[in-house]
PDB file of N, CA and C in Angstrom:
ATOM      1  N   UNK A   1      95.958  42.819 135.272  1.00  0.00           N
ATOM      2  CA  UNK A   1      97.272  42.855 134.762  1.00  0.00           C
ATOM      3  C   UNK A   1      97.752  44.263 134.661  1.00  0.00           C
ATOM      4  N   UNK A   2      98.986  44.549 135.156  1.00  0.00           N
ATOM      5  CA  UNK A   2      99.447  45.941 135.155  1.00  0.00           C
ATOM      6  C   UNK A   2      99.823  46.443 133.743  1.00  0.00           C
ATOM      7  N   UNK A   3      99.820  47.686 133.551  1.00  0.00           N
ATOM      8  CA  UNK A   3     100.171  48.289 132.302  1.00  0.00           C
ATOM      9  C   UNK A   3     101.683  48.131 132.084  1.00  0.00           C
ATOM     10  N   UNK A   4     102.099  47.907 130.890  1.00  0.00           N
ATOM     11  CA  UNK A   4     103.463  47.935 130.523  1.00  0.00           C
ATOM     12  C   UNK A   4     103.899  49.390 130.398  1.00  0.00           C
ATOM     13  N   UNK A   5     105.122  49.650 130.907  1.00  0.00           N
ATOM     14  CA  UNK A   5     105.603  51.062 130.989  1.00  0.00           C
ATOM     15  C   UNK A   5     105.608  51.762 129.558  1.00  0.00           C
ATOM     16  N   UNK A   6     105.810  50.985 128.458  1.00  0.00           N
ATOM     17  CA  UNK A   6     105.933  51.652 127.213  1.00  0.00           C
ATOM     18  C   UNK A   6     104.579  52.001 126.605  1.00  0.00           C
ATOM     19  N   UNK A   7     103.474  51.498 127.245  1.00  0.00           N
ATOM     20  CA  UNK A   7     102.158  51.897 126.714  1.00  0.00           C
ATOM     21  C   UNK A   7     101.120  52.152 127.850  1.00  0.00           C
ATOM     22  N   UNK A   8     101.706  52.521 128.995  1.00  0.00           N
ATOM     23  CA  UNK A   8     100.891  52.850 130.163  1.00  0.00           C
ATOM     24  C   UNK A   8      99.823  53.870 129.898  1.00  0.00           C
ATOM     25  N   UNK A   9     100.173  54.992 129.217  1.00  0.00           N
ATOM     26  CA  UNK A   9      99.274  56.113 129.021  1.00  0.00           C
ATOM     27  C   UNK A   9      98.250  55.709 127.929  1.00  0.00           C
ATOM     28  N   UNK A  10      98.686  55.024 126.908  1.00  0.00           N
ATOM     29  CA  UNK A  10      97.800  54.627 125.813  1.00  0.00           C
ATOM     30  C   UNK A  10      96.744  53.714 126.413  1.00  0.00           C
ATOM     31  N   UNK A  11      97.127  52.795 127.192  1.00  0.00           N
ATOM     32  CA  UNK A  11      96.175  51.793 127.814  1.00  0.00           C
ATOM     33  C   UNK A  11      95.200  52.458 128.826  1.00  0.00           C
ATOM     34  N   UNK A  12      95.600  53.491 129.434  1.00  0.00           N
ATOM     35  CA  UNK A  12      94.760  54.189 130.532  1.00  0.00           C
ATOM     36  C   UNK A  12      93.842  55.195 129.945  1.00  0.00           C
ATOM     37  N   UNK A  13      94.235  55.864 128.912  1.00  0.00           N
ATOM     38  CA  UNK A  13      93.354  57.032 128.544  1.00  0.00           C
ATOM     39  C   UNK A  13      91.996  56.626 128.098  1.00  0.00           C
ATOM     40  N   UNK A  14      91.871  55.476 127.413  1.00  0.00           N
ATOM     41  CA  UNK A  14      90.497  55.019 127.092  1.00  0.00           C
ATOM     42  C   UNK A  14      89.661  54.755 128.297  1.00  0.00           C
ATOM     43  N   UNK A  15      90.215  54.082 129.298  1.00  0.00           N
ATOM     44  CA  UNK A  15      89.471  53.719 130.546  1.00  0.00           C
ATOM     45  C   UNK A  15      89.116  55.175 131.217  1.00  0.00           C
ATOM     46  N   UNK A  16      90.049  56.080 131.251  1.00  0.00           N
ATOM     47  CA  UNK A  16      89.793  57.337 131.815  1.00  0.00           C
ATOM     48  C   UNK A  16      88.651  58.120 131.176  1.00  0.00           C
ATOM     49  N   UNK A  17      88.630  58.076 129.790  1.00  0.00           N
ATOM     50  CA  UNK A  17      87.604  58.688 129.030  1.00  0.00           C
ATOM     51  C   UNK A  17      86.304  58.080 129.358  1.00  0.00           C
ATOM     52  N   UNK A  18      86.234  56.786 129.467  1.00  0.00           N
ATOM     53  CA  UNK A  18      85.000  56.012 129.910  1.00  0.00           C
ATOM     54  C   UNK A  18      84.521  56.526 131.283  1.00  0.00           C
ATOM     55  N   UNK A  19      85.487  56.571 132.224  1.00  0.00           N
ATOM     56  CA  UNK A  19      85.119  57.068 133.566  1.00  0.00           C
ATOM     57  C   UNK A  19      84.554  58.453 133.453  1.00  0.00           C
ATOM     58  N   UNK A  20      85.155  59.286 132.762  1.00  0.00           N
ATOM     59  CA  UNK A  20      84.666  60.766 132.666  1.00  0.00           C
ATOM     60  C   UNK A  20      83.252  60.739 131.996  1.00  0.00           C
ATOM     61  N   UNK A  21      83.036  59.922 131.026  1.00  0.00           N
ATOM     62  CA  UNK A  21      81.743  59.853 130.408  1.00  0.00           C
ATOM     63  C   UNK A  21      80.638  59.426 131.325  1.00  0.00           C
ATOM     64  N   UNK A  22      80.928  58.714 132.402  1.00  0.00           N
ATOM     65  CA  UNK A  22      80.003  58.144 133.353  1.00  0.00           C
ATOM     66  C   UNK A  22      80.184  58.589 134.816  1.00  0.00           C
ATOM     67  N   UNK A  23      80.955  59.686 134.945  1.00  0.00           N
ATOM     68  CA  UNK A  23      81.206  60.188 136.300  1.00  0.00           C
ATOM     69  C   UNK A  23      80.055  60.728 137.055  1.00  0.00           C
ATOM     70  N   UNK A  24      79.030  61.142 136.276  1.00  0.00           N
ATOM     71  CA  UNK A  24      77.881  61.814 136.938  1.00  0.00           C
ATOM     72  C   UNK A  24      76.766  60.791 137.332  1.00  0.00           C
ATOM     73  N   UNK A  25      77.164  59.449 137.353  1.00  0.00           N
ATOM     74  CA  UNK A  25      76.156  58.455 137.752  1.00  0.00           C
ATOM     75  C   UNK A  25      75.775  58.782 139.184  1.00  0.00           C
ATOM     76  N   UNK A  26      74.455  58.485 139.497  1.00  0.00           N
ATOM     77  CA  UNK A  26      74.068  58.544 140.872  1.00  0.00           C
ATOM     78  C   UNK A  26      74.789  57.675 141.803  1.00  0.00           C
ATOM     79  N   UNK A  27      75.282  58.235 142.905  1.00  0.00           N
ATOM     80  CA  UNK A  27      76.034  57.290 143.810  1.00  0.00           C
ATOM     81  C   UNK A  27      75.243  56.097 144.312  1.00  0.00           C
ATOM     82  N   UNK A  28      73.969  56.170 144.323  1.00  0.00           N
ATOM     83  CA  UNK A  28      73.062  55.093 144.617  1.00  0.00           C
ATOM     84  C   UNK A  28      73.236  53.911 143.722  1.00  0.00           C
ATOM     85  N   UNK A  29      73.746  54.178 142.486  1.00  0.00           N
ATOM     86  CA  UNK A  29      74.000  53.078 141.465  1.00  0.00           C
ATOM     87  C   UNK A  29      75.334  52.502 141.623  1.00  0.00           C
ATOM     88  N   UNK A  30      76.175  52.989 142.472  1.00  0.00           N
ATOM     89  CA  UNK A  30      77.518  52.449 142.687  1.00  0.00           C
ATOM     90  C   UNK A  30      77.671  51.803 144.001  1.00  0.00           C
ATOM     91  N   UNK A  31      78.497  50.710 144.082  1.00  0.00           N
ATOM     92  CA  UNK A  31      78.808  50.128 145.360  1.00  0.00           C
ATOM     93  C   UNK A  31      79.604  51.141 146.218  1.00  0.00           C
ATOM     94  N   UNK A  32      79.709  50.904 147.468  1.00  0.00           N
ATOM     95  CA  UNK A  32      80.592  51.692 148.376  1.00  0.00           C
ATOM     96  C   UNK A  32      81.987  51.742 147.840  1.00  0.00           C
ATOM     97  N   UNK A  33      82.596  50.597 147.440  1.00  0.00           N
ATOM     98  CA  UNK A  33      83.968  50.536 147.015  1.00  0.00           C
ATOM     99  C   UNK A  33      84.094  51.308 145.688  1.00  0.00           C
ATOM    100  N   UNK A  34      83.121  51.265 144.818  1.00  0.00           N
ATOM    101  CA  UNK A  34      83.183  52.012 143.472  1.00  0.00           C
ATOM    102  C   UNK A  34      82.997  53.502 143.775  1.00  0.00           C
ATOM    103  N   UNK A  35      82.131  53.952 144.717  1.00  0.00           N
ATOM    104  CA  UNK A  35      82.092  55.265 145.130  1.00  0.00           C
ATOM    105  C   UNK A  35      83.389  55.851 145.682  1.00  0.00           C
ATOM    106  N   UNK A  36      84.061  55.069 146.457  1.00  0.00           N
ATOM    107  CA  UNK A  36      85.316  55.444 147.030  1.00  0.00           C
ATOM    108  C   UNK A  36      86.373  55.538 145.912  1.00  0.00           C
ATOM    109  N   UNK A  37      86.318  54.625 144.892  1.00  0.00           N
ATOM    110  CA  UNK A  37      87.281  54.715 143.848  1.00  0.00           C
ATOM    111  C   UNK A  37      87.010  55.878 142.892  1.00  0.00           C
ATOM    112  N   UNK A  38      85.767  56.225 142.707  1.00  0.00           N
ATOM    113  CA  UNK A  38      85.402  57.336 141.918  1.00  0.00           C
ATOM    114  C   UNK A  38      85.922  58.654 142.561  1.00  0.00           C
ATOM    115  N   UNK A  39      85.779  58.762 143.881  1.00  0.00           N
ATOM    116  CA  UNK A  39      86.250  59.966 144.645  1.00  0.00           C
ATOM    117  C   UNK A  39      87.796  60.014 144.505  1.00  0.00           C
ATOM    118  N   UNK A  40      88.474  58.821 144.645  1.00  0.00           N
ATOM    119  CA  UNK A  40      89.912  58.846 144.583  1.00  0.00           C
ATOM    120  C   UNK A  40      90.415  59.277 143.184  1.00  0.00           C
ATOM    121  N   UNK A  41      89.645  58.797 142.162  1.00  0.00           N
ATOM    122  CA  UNK A  41      90.059  59.094 140.801  1.00  0.00           C
ATOM    123  C   UNK A  41      89.920  60.606 140.593  1.00  0.00           C
ATOM    124  N   UNK A  42      88.821  61.217 141.102  1.00  0.00           N
ATOM    125  CA  UNK A  42      88.711  62.664 140.999  1.00  0.00           C
ATOM    126  C   UNK A  42      89.884  63.387 141.655  1.00  0.00           C
ATOM    127  N   UNK A  43      90.308  62.888 142.843  1.00  0.00           N
ATOM    128  CA  UNK A  43      91.385  63.502 143.620  1.00  0.00           C
ATOM    129  C   UNK A  43      92.682  63.430 142.748  1.00  0.00           C
ATOM    130  N   UNK A  44      92.949  62.299 142.177  1.00  0.00           N
ATOM    131  CA  UNK A  44      94.102  62.054 141.302  1.00  0.00           C
ATOM    132  C   UNK A  44      94.128  62.975 140.192  1.00  0.00           C
ATOM    133  N   UNK A  45      92.925  63.049 139.496  1.00  0.00           N
ATOM    134  CA  UNK A  45      92.905  63.976 138.401  1.00  0.00           C
ATOM    135  C   UNK A  45      93.171  65.432 138.696  1.00  0.00           C
ATOM    136  N   UNK A  46      92.652  65.827 139.799  1.00  0.00           N
ATOM    137  CA  UNK A  46      92.862  67.225 140.352  1.00  0.00           C
ATOM    138  C   UNK A  46      94.340  67.367 140.561  1.00  0.00           C
ATOM    139  N   UNK A  47      94.973  66.439 141.237  1.00  0.00           N
ATOM    140  CA  UNK A  47      96.399  66.542 141.478  1.00  0.00           C
ATOM    141  C   UNK A  47      97.239  66.655 140.148  1.00  0.00           C
ATOM    142  N   UNK A  48      96.888  65.761 139.247  1.00  0.00           N
ATOM    143  CA  UNK A  48      97.516  65.844 137.914  1.00  0.00           C
ATOM    144  C   UNK A  48      97.357  67.211 137.177  1.00  0.00           C
ATOM    145  N   UNK A  49      96.130  67.714 137.209  1.00  0.00           N
ATOM    146  CA  UNK A  49      95.860  68.933 136.555  1.00  0.00           C
ATOM    147  C   UNK A  49      96.643  70.075 137.270  1.00  0.00           C
ATOM    148  N   UNK A  50      96.662  70.097 138.569  1.00  0.00           N
ATOM    149  CA  UNK A  50      97.360  71.137 139.258  1.00  0.00           C
ATOM    150  C   UNK A  50      98.923  71.070 138.983  1.00  0.00           C
ATOM    151  N   UNK A  51      99.377  69.943 138.956  1.00  0.00           N
ATOM    152  CA  UNK A  51     100.934  69.710 138.791  1.00  0.00           C
ATOM    153  C   UNK A  51     101.379  69.821 137.350  1.00  0.00           C
ATOM    154  N   UNK A  52     100.524  69.328 136.394  1.00  0.00           N
ATOM    155  CA  UNK A  52     101.067  69.128 134.992  1.00  0.00           C
ATOM    156  C   UNK A  52     100.183  69.879 133.992  1.00  0.00           C
ATOM    157  N   UNK A  53      99.164  70.618 134.378  1.00  0.00           N
ATOM    158  CA  UNK A  53      98.369  71.341 133.388  1.00  0.00           C
ATOM    159  C   UNK A  53      99.032  72.230 132.507  1.00  0.00           C
ATOM    160  N   UNK A  54     100.168  72.866 132.972  1.00  0.00           N
ATOM    161  CA  UNK A  54     100.957  73.785 132.216  1.00  0.00           C
ATOM    162  C   UNK A  54     101.647  73.116 131.006  1.00  0.00           C
ATOM    163  N   UNK A  55     101.798  71.768 131.038  1.00  0.00           N
ATOM    164  CA  UNK A  55     102.531  71.083 130.010  1.00  0.00           C
ATOM    165  C   UNK A  55     101.628  71.121 128.739  1.00  0.00           C
ATOM    166  N   UNK A  56     100.325  71.293 128.904  1.00  0.00           N
ATOM    167  CA  UNK A  56      99.512  71.372 127.711  1.00  0.00           C
ATOM    168  C   UNK A  56      98.817  72.761 127.561  1.00  0.00           C
ATOM    169  N   UNK A  57      99.517  73.760 128.154  1.00  0.00           N
ATOM    170  CA  UNK A  57      99.030  75.213 128.060  1.00  0.00           C
ATOM    171  C   UNK A  57      97.681  75.338 128.739  1.00  0.00           C
ATOM    172  N   UNK A  58      97.390  74.567 129.807  1.00  0.00           N
ATOM    173  CA  UNK A  58      96.135  74.716 130.521  1.00  0.00           C
ATOM    174  C   UNK A  58      96.421  74.786 132.023  1.00  0.00           C
ATOM    175  N   UNK A  59      97.034  75.859 132.411  1.00  0.00           N
ATOM    176  CA  UNK A  59      97.457  75.930 133.825  1.00  0.00           C
ATOM    177  C   UNK A  59      96.214  75.939 134.637  1.00  0.00           C
ATOM    178  N   UNK A  60      96.194  75.282 135.715  1.00  0.00           N
ATOM    179  CA  UNK A  60      95.011  75.206 136.658  1.00  0.00           C
ATOM    180  C   UNK A  60      95.398  75.902 137.968  1.00  0.00           C
ATOM    181  N   UNK A  61      94.515  76.716 138.437  1.00  0.00           N
ATOM    182  CA  UNK A  61      94.876  77.419 139.700  1.00  0.00           C
ATOM    183  C   UNK A  61      94.019  76.925 140.789  1.00  0.00           C
ATOM    184  N   UNK A  62      94.607  76.531 141.838  1.00  0.00           N
ATOM    185  CA  UNK A  62      93.873  75.980 142.941  1.00  0.00           C
ATOM    186  C   UNK A  62      93.130  77.123 143.722  1.00  0.00           C
ATOM    187  N   UNK A  63      91.794  76.963 143.943  1.00  0.00           N
ATOM    188  CA  UNK A  63      91.010  77.985 144.590  1.00  0.00           C
ATOM    189  C   UNK A  63      91.019  77.673 146.106  1.00  0.00           C
ATOM    190  N   UNK A  64      90.650  78.700 146.888  1.00  0.00           N
ATOM    191  CA  UNK A  64      90.574  78.421 148.309  1.00  0.00           C
ATOM    192  C   UNK A  64      89.314  77.791 148.728  1.00  0.00           C
TER     193      UNK A  64
END
């Protein structure tokens, strides 16, 4: 079920924290689809940090 727009971030933050707590799992413990989703999640988090980190006084600088 999709998140309702009025509580999208509240509903997602707990799941994101759970992913963060388990992100260092051995890739052998994950299915190929789950491994791909993990990598995509990391990409999205980096994009968010680069674009919006300054909103919480945590500017992120992209390295070469």
